[in-house]
Amino acid sequence: GIYVLNFKLRSGGQEGIEKRWDKVLGAPGKANKGIAAGQLSGGDFAITGYTGYDQNANQSNGEIYVTRLGNNGHVKWGRTIGNSNTDDPHDMTVDNNDDIVVTGHGKVSVNGNDKISVIVTKLDPNGNLQWSTGFRKKGKTSYGRAISTLSGNQYLIGGYSSTPNSNKDAYVAKLG
């Protein structure tokens, strides 16, 4: 499982940190990996990662998960996003509306062929899917590696594209 910790600095001039709470997340019996976290305006936290890889069956059809935790560590909601192919998150951001936007890569069907593409998914503060999109550079596999919130519900995605026998090409994309 994913081990999540919340720490605070000690008060009164004491050195060090103090654990507030901890939590284990993820599917039992599956490989789970935490990737990124962000804080919502009311003090809650959103965490994204990967779940579903079955080590015993050697199956790699995992999904992206997103979980919202209250500021005391209790799970408010959790959901997986993705399809039957392996999807991997790489970063997330929380925008001014407390919407949670995750980027990564996954297999997206393009003209009937599954291609590794950038995926970007937006959830509202209650975990409801707002939209999801995928894109890639023609003839290449593409990976979303970083995301930032811009003004006016716009997002900046950074990543790279490559072919099996080529160097990686960096890219920046603006959504919204």
C-alpha atoms as a PDB file:
ATOM      1  CA  GLY A   1       0.000   0.000   0.000  1.00  0.00           C
ATOM      2  CA  ILE A   2       0.836   3.677  -0.138  1.00  0.00           C
ATOM      3  CA  TYR A   3       1.991   5.102   3.174  1.00  0.00           C
ATOM      4  CA  VAL A   4       0.934   8.746   3.521  1.00  0.00           C
ATOM      5  CA  LEU A   5       2.283  10.936   6.331  1.00  0.00           C
ATOM      6  CA  ASN A   6       1.305  14.418   7.472  1.00  0.00           C
ATOM      7  CA  PHE A   7       3.884  16.314   9.507  1.00  0.00           C
ATOM      8  CA  LYS A   8       4.064  19.755  11.064  1.00  0.00           C
ATOM      9  CA  LEU A   9       6.973  21.755  12.430  1.00  0.00           C
ATOM     10  CA  ARG A  10       7.203  21.707  16.201  1.00  0.00           C
ATOM     11  CA  SER A  11       6.020  24.842  17.910  1.00  0.00           C
ATOM     12  CA  GLY A  12       7.725  26.946  20.554  1.00  0.00           C
ATOM     13  CA  GLY A  13      11.129  26.977  18.891  1.00  0.00           C
ATOM     14  CA  GLN A  14      11.655  23.214  19.230  1.00  0.00           C
ATOM     15  CA  GLU A  15      13.658  21.593  16.467  1.00  0.00           C
ATOM     16  CA  GLY A  16      12.239  18.845  14.298  1.00  0.00           C
ATOM     17  CA  ILE A  17       8.872  17.767  13.059  1.00  0.00           C
ATOM     18  CA  GLU A  18       5.891  16.069  14.642  1.00  0.00           C
ATOM     19  CA  LYS A  19       3.682  13.446  12.983  1.00  0.00           C
ATOM     20  CA  ARG A  20       0.038  14.499  12.793  1.00  0.00           C
ATOM     21  CA  TRP A  21      -1.385  11.359  11.160  1.00  0.00           C
ATOM     22  CA  ASP A  22      -0.551   8.570   8.736  1.00  0.00           C
ATOM     23  CA  LYS A  23      -2.590   6.455   6.347  1.00  0.00           C
ATOM     24  CA  VAL A  24      -2.109   3.414   4.099  1.00  0.00           C
ATOM     25  CA  LEU A  25      -3.903   3.587   0.734  1.00  0.00           C
ATOM     26  CA  GLY A  26      -4.177   1.251  -2.244  1.00  0.00           C
ATOM     27  CA  ALA A  27      -5.685  -2.059  -3.287  1.00  0.00           C
ATOM     28  CA  PRO A  28      -4.824  -4.991  -0.972  1.00  0.00           C
ATOM     29  CA  GLY A  29      -2.650  -7.618  -2.669  1.00  0.00           C
ATOM     30  CA  LYS A  30      -1.755  -5.245  -5.494  1.00  0.00           C
ATOM     31  CA  ALA A  31       1.295  -3.134  -6.151  1.00  0.00           C
ATOM     32  CA  ASN A  32       0.460   0.484  -5.337  1.00  0.00           C
ATOM     33  CA  LYS A  33       2.572   3.573  -5.886  1.00  0.00           C
ATOM     34  CA  GLY A  34       2.003   7.150  -4.735  1.00  0.00           C
ATOM     35  CA  ILE A  35       3.164   9.759  -7.229  1.00  0.00           C
ATOM     36  CA  ALA A  36       1.996  13.278  -6.354  1.00  0.00           C
ATOM     37  CA  ALA A  37      -0.056  15.196  -3.810  1.00  0.00           C
ATOM     38  CA  GLY A  38      -1.610  18.626  -3.498  1.00  0.00           C
ATOM     39  CA  GLN A  39      -3.566  20.604  -0.932  1.00  0.00           C
ATOM     40  CA  LEU A  40      -7.083  21.918  -1.455  1.00  0.00           C
ATOM     41  CA  SER A  41      -8.130  25.322  -0.126  1.00  0.00           C
ATOM     42  CA  GLY A  42      -9.920  23.959   2.974  1.00  0.00           C
ATOM     43  CA  GLY A  43      -6.884  21.996   4.140  1.00  0.00           C
ATOM     44  CA  ASP A  44      -7.820  18.641   2.581  1.00  0.00           C
ATOM     45  CA  PHE A  45      -5.286  16.734   0.476  1.00  0.00           C
ATOM     46  CA  ALA A  46      -5.513  15.043  -2.913  1.00  0.00           C
ATOM     47  CA  ILE A  47      -3.145  12.200  -3.745  1.00  0.00           C
ATOM     48  CA  THR A  48      -2.649  10.445  -7.063  1.00  0.00           C
ATOM     49  CA  GLY A  49      -0.830   7.248  -7.840  1.00  0.00           C
ATOM     50  CA  TYR A  50      -0.978   3.896  -9.530  1.00  0.00           C
ATOM     51  CA  THR A  51      -2.847   0.804  -8.334  1.00  0.00           C
ATOM     52  CA  GLY A  52      -3.792  -2.572  -9.636  1.00  0.00           C
ATOM     53  CA  TYR A  53      -0.618  -4.293 -10.738  1.00  0.00           C
ATOM     54  CA  ASP A  54      -1.035  -7.894  -9.617  1.00  0.00           C
ATOM     55  CA  GLN A  55       2.443  -9.138  -8.705  1.00  0.00           C
ATOM     56  CA  ASN A  56       1.288 -12.744  -8.218  1.00  0.00           C
ATOM     57  CA  ALA A  57      -0.474 -12.987 -11.595  1.00  0.00           C
ATOM     58  CA  ASN A  58       2.145 -10.822 -13.374  1.00  0.00           C
ATOM     59  CA  GLN A  59      -0.633  -8.605 -14.749  1.00  0.00           C
ATOM     60  CA  SER A  60       0.195  -5.010 -15.559  1.00  0.00           C
ATOM     61  CA  ASN A  61      -3.218  -3.544 -16.294  1.00  0.00           C
ATOM     62  CA  GLY A  62      -3.106  -0.906 -13.594  1.00  0.00           C
ATOM     63  CA  GLU A  63      -5.055   2.276 -13.223  1.00  0.00           C
ATOM     64  CA  ILE A  64      -4.543   5.782 -11.964  1.00  0.00           C
ATOM     65  CA  TYR A  65      -6.146   6.442  -8.607  1.00  0.00           C
ATOM     66  CA  VAL A  66      -7.015   9.741  -6.987  1.00  0.00           C
ATOM     67  CA  THR A  67      -7.951   9.977  -3.308  1.00  0.00           C
ATOM     68  CA  ARG A  68      -9.121  12.956  -1.290  1.00  0.00           C
ATOM     69  CA  LEU A  69      -8.193  12.946   2.380  1.00  0.00           C
ATOM     70  CA  GLY A  70      -9.551  15.282   5.025  1.00  0.00           C
ATOM     71  CA  ASN A  71      -7.043  17.386   6.926  1.00  0.00           C
ATOM     72  CA  ASN A  72      -7.245  14.758   9.702  1.00  0.00           C
ATOM     73  CA  GLY A  73      -6.321  11.925   7.287  1.00  0.00           C
ATOM     74  CA  HIS A  74      -9.716  10.279   6.824  1.00  0.00           C
ATOM     75  CA  VAL A  75     -10.616   9.242   3.262  1.00  0.00           C
ATOM     76  CA  LYS A  76     -13.408  11.406   1.836  1.00  0.00           C
ATOM     77  CA  TRP A  77     -13.449   9.620  -1.517  1.00  0.00           C
ATOM     78  CA  GLY A  78     -11.263   7.634  -3.841  1.00  0.00           C
ATOM     79  CA  ARG A  79     -11.617   6.635  -7.463  1.00  0.00           C
ATOM     80  CA  THR A  80      -9.686   5.017 -10.255  1.00  0.00           C
ATOM     81  CA  ILE A  81      -9.431   6.451 -13.739  1.00  0.00           C
ATOM     82  CA  GLY A  82      -8.299   4.707 -16.863  1.00  0.00           C
ATOM     83  CA  ASN A  83      -9.255   1.887 -19.134  1.00  0.00           C
ATOM     84  CA  SER A  84      -8.278  -1.770 -19.394  1.00  0.00           C
ATOM     85  CA  ASN A  85      -4.771  -0.781 -20.490  1.00  0.00           C
ATOM     86  CA  THR A  86      -2.043   0.324 -18.120  1.00  0.00           C
ATOM     87  CA  ASP A  87      -2.278   4.007 -17.211  1.00  0.00           C
ATOM     88  CA  ASP A  88       0.408   5.808 -15.204  1.00  0.00           C
ATOM     89  CA  PRO A  89       0.161   9.210 -13.517  1.00  0.00           C
ATOM     90  CA  HIS A  90       3.214  11.440 -13.294  1.00  0.00           C
ATOM     91  CA  ASP A  91       1.965  14.670 -11.727  1.00  0.00           C
ATOM     92  CA  MET A  92      -1.117  16.504 -10.489  1.00  0.00           C
ATOM     93  CA  THR A  93      -2.231  20.010  -9.639  1.00  0.00           C
ATOM     94  CA  VAL A  94      -5.110  21.520  -7.671  1.00  0.00           C
ATOM     95  CA  ASP A  95      -6.563  24.617  -9.329  1.00  0.00           C
ATOM     96  CA  ASN A  96      -8.292  27.670  -7.811  1.00  0.00           C
ATOM     97  CA  ASN A  97     -11.669  25.852  -7.852  1.00  0.00           C
ATOM     98  CA  ASP A  98     -10.162  22.892  -5.956  1.00  0.00           C
ATOM     99  CA  ASP A  99     -10.481  20.803  -9.115  1.00  0.00           C
ATOM    100  CA  ILE A 100      -7.835  18.077  -9.320  1.00  0.00           C
ATOM    101  CA  VAL A 101      -6.030  17.651 -12.644  1.00  0.00           C
ATOM    102  CA  VAL A 102      -3.771  14.654 -13.257  1.00  0.00           C
ATOM    103  CA  THR A 103      -1.374  14.053 -16.158  1.00  0.00           C
ATOM    104  CA  GLY A 104       0.529  10.953 -17.166  1.00  0.00           C
ATOM    105  CA  HIS A 105       0.432   8.442 -19.983  1.00  0.00           C
ATOM    106  CA  GLY A 106      -1.717   5.569 -21.113  1.00  0.00           C
ATOM    107  CA  LYS A 107      -2.774   3.635 -24.174  1.00  0.00           C
ATOM    108  CA  VAL A 108      -5.263   5.647 -26.201  1.00  0.00           C
ATOM    109  CA  SER A 109      -6.947   4.264 -29.313  1.00  0.00           C
ATOM    110  CA  VAL A 110      -5.986   6.271 -32.407  1.00  0.00           C
ATOM    111  CA  ASN A 111      -7.626   5.049 -35.652  1.00  0.00           C
ATOM    112  CA  GLY A 112      -8.122   1.628 -34.065  1.00  0.00           C
ATOM    113  CA  ASN A 113      -4.518   1.324 -32.845  1.00  0.00           C
ATOM    114  CA  ASP A 114      -3.534   1.668 -29.201  1.00  0.00           C
ATOM    115  CA  LYS A 115      -0.755   4.218 -28.837  1.00  0.00           C
ATOM    116  CA  ILE A 116       1.012   5.496 -25.711  1.00  0.00           C
ATOM    117  CA  SER A 117      -0.282   9.049 -25.347  1.00  0.00           C
ATOM    118  CA  VAL A 118      -0.365  11.895 -22.868  1.00  0.00           C
ATOM    119  CA  ILE A 119      -3.490  11.711 -20.750  1.00  0.00           C
ATOM    120  CA  VAL A 120      -4.960  14.580 -18.741  1.00  0.00           C
ATOM    121  CA  THR A 121      -7.970  14.073 -16.473  1.00  0.00           C
ATOM    122  CA  LYS A 122      -9.869  16.653 -14.431  1.00  0.00           C
ATOM    123  CA  LEU A 123     -11.987  15.797 -11.371  1.00  0.00           C
ATOM    124  CA  ASP A 124     -14.117  18.200  -9.345  1.00  0.00           C
ATOM    125  CA  PRO A 125     -13.570  18.476  -5.559  1.00  0.00           C
ATOM    126  CA  ASN A 126     -16.108  15.637  -5.034  1.00  0.00           C
ATOM    127  CA  GLY A 127     -14.258  13.248  -7.367  1.00  0.00           C
ATOM    128  CA  ASN A 128     -16.669  13.589 -10.298  1.00  0.00           C
ATOM    129  CA  LEU A 129     -15.080  13.347 -13.734  1.00  0.00           C
ATOM    130  CA  GLN A 130     -15.156  16.733 -15.493  1.00  0.00           C
ATOM    131  CA  TRP A 131     -13.211  15.737 -18.596  1.00  0.00           C
ATOM    132  CA  SER A 132     -10.406  13.543 -19.816  1.00  0.00           C
ATOM    133  CA  THR A 133      -8.305  13.874 -22.958  1.00  0.00           C
ATOM    134  CA  GLY A 134      -5.370  12.205 -24.645  1.00  0.00           C
ATOM    135  CA  PHE A 135      -2.924  13.490 -27.254  1.00  0.00           C
ATOM    136  CA  ARG A 136       0.414  12.593 -28.788  1.00  0.00           C
ATOM    137  CA  LYS A 137       2.851  13.697 -31.451  1.00  0.00           C
ATOM    138  CA  LYS A 138       2.109  11.888 -34.711  1.00  0.00           C
ATOM    139  CA  GLY A 139       4.115   8.687 -35.071  1.00  0.00           C
ATOM    140  CA  LYS A 140       5.576   8.887 -31.566  1.00  0.00           C
ATOM    141  CA  THR A 141       4.769   7.799 -28.054  1.00  0.00           C
ATOM    142  CA  SER A 142       4.116  10.748 -25.758  1.00  0.00           C
ATOM    143  CA  TYR A 143       4.316  11.121 -21.999  1.00  0.00           C
ATOM    144  CA  GLY A 144       2.908  13.825 -19.709  1.00  0.00           C
ATOM    145  CA  ARG A 145       5.437  14.380 -16.912  1.00  0.00           C
ATOM    146  CA  ALA A 146       4.493  17.690 -15.238  1.00  0.00           C
ATOM    147  CA  ILE A 147       1.449  19.934 -14.903  1.00  0.00           C
ATOM    148  CA  SER A 148       0.887  23.452 -13.549  1.00  0.00           C
ATOM    149  CA  THR A 149      -2.241  25.516 -13.091  1.00  0.00           C
ATOM    150  CA  LEU A 150      -2.441  28.776 -15.038  1.00  0.00           C
ATOM    151  CA  SER A 151      -5.108  31.456 -14.661  1.00  0.00           C
ATOM    152  CA  GLY A 152      -8.604  30.982 -16.045  1.00  0.00           C
ATOM    153  CA  ASN A 153      -8.834  27.165 -15.817  1.00  0.00           C
ATOM    154  CA  GLN A 154      -5.839  26.675 -18.077  1.00  0.00           C
ATOM    155  CA  TYR A 155      -3.115  24.100 -17.544  1.00  0.00           C
ATOM    156  CA  LEU A 156       0.475  23.816 -18.724  1.00  0.00           C
ATOM    157  CA  ILE A 157       1.666  20.260 -19.457  1.00  0.00           C
ATOM    158  CA  GLY A 158       5.314  19.314 -19.940  1.00  0.00           C
ATOM    159  CA  GLY A 159       6.633  16.008 -21.182  1.00  0.00           C
ATOM    160  CA  TYR A 160       8.375  14.251 -24.023  1.00  0.00           C
ATOM    161  CA  SER A 161       7.741  12.223 -27.169  1.00  0.00           C
ATOM    162  CA  SER A 162       9.909   9.524 -28.715  1.00  0.00           C
ATOM    163  CA  THR A 163      10.077   6.606 -31.127  1.00  0.00           C
ATOM    164  CA  PRO A 164      11.786   3.321 -30.200  1.00  0.00           C
ATOM    165  CA  ASN A 165      14.986   4.276 -32.037  1.00  0.00           C
ATOM    166  CA  SER A 166      15.089   8.028 -31.518  1.00  0.00           C
ATOM    167  CA  ASN A 167      16.036  10.615 -28.974  1.00  0.00           C
ATOM    168  CA  LYS A 168      13.371  12.141 -26.804  1.00  0.00           C
ATOM    169  CA  ASP A 169      11.800  15.434 -27.879  1.00  0.00           C
ATOM    170  CA  ALA A 170      10.627  17.726 -25.082  1.00  0.00           C
ATOM    171  CA  TYR A 171       7.289  19.489 -25.464  1.00  0.00           C
ATOM    172  CA  VAL A 172       5.040  21.934 -23.659  1.00  0.00           C
ATOM    173  CA  ALA A 173       1.270  22.022 -24.207  1.00  0.00           C
ATOM    174  CA  LYS A 174      -1.323  24.491 -22.932  1.00  0.00           C
ATOM    175  CA  LEU A 175      -4.871  23.230 -22.299  1.00  0.00           C
ATOM    176  CA  GLY A 176      -7.953  25.322 -21.626  1.00  0.00           C
END
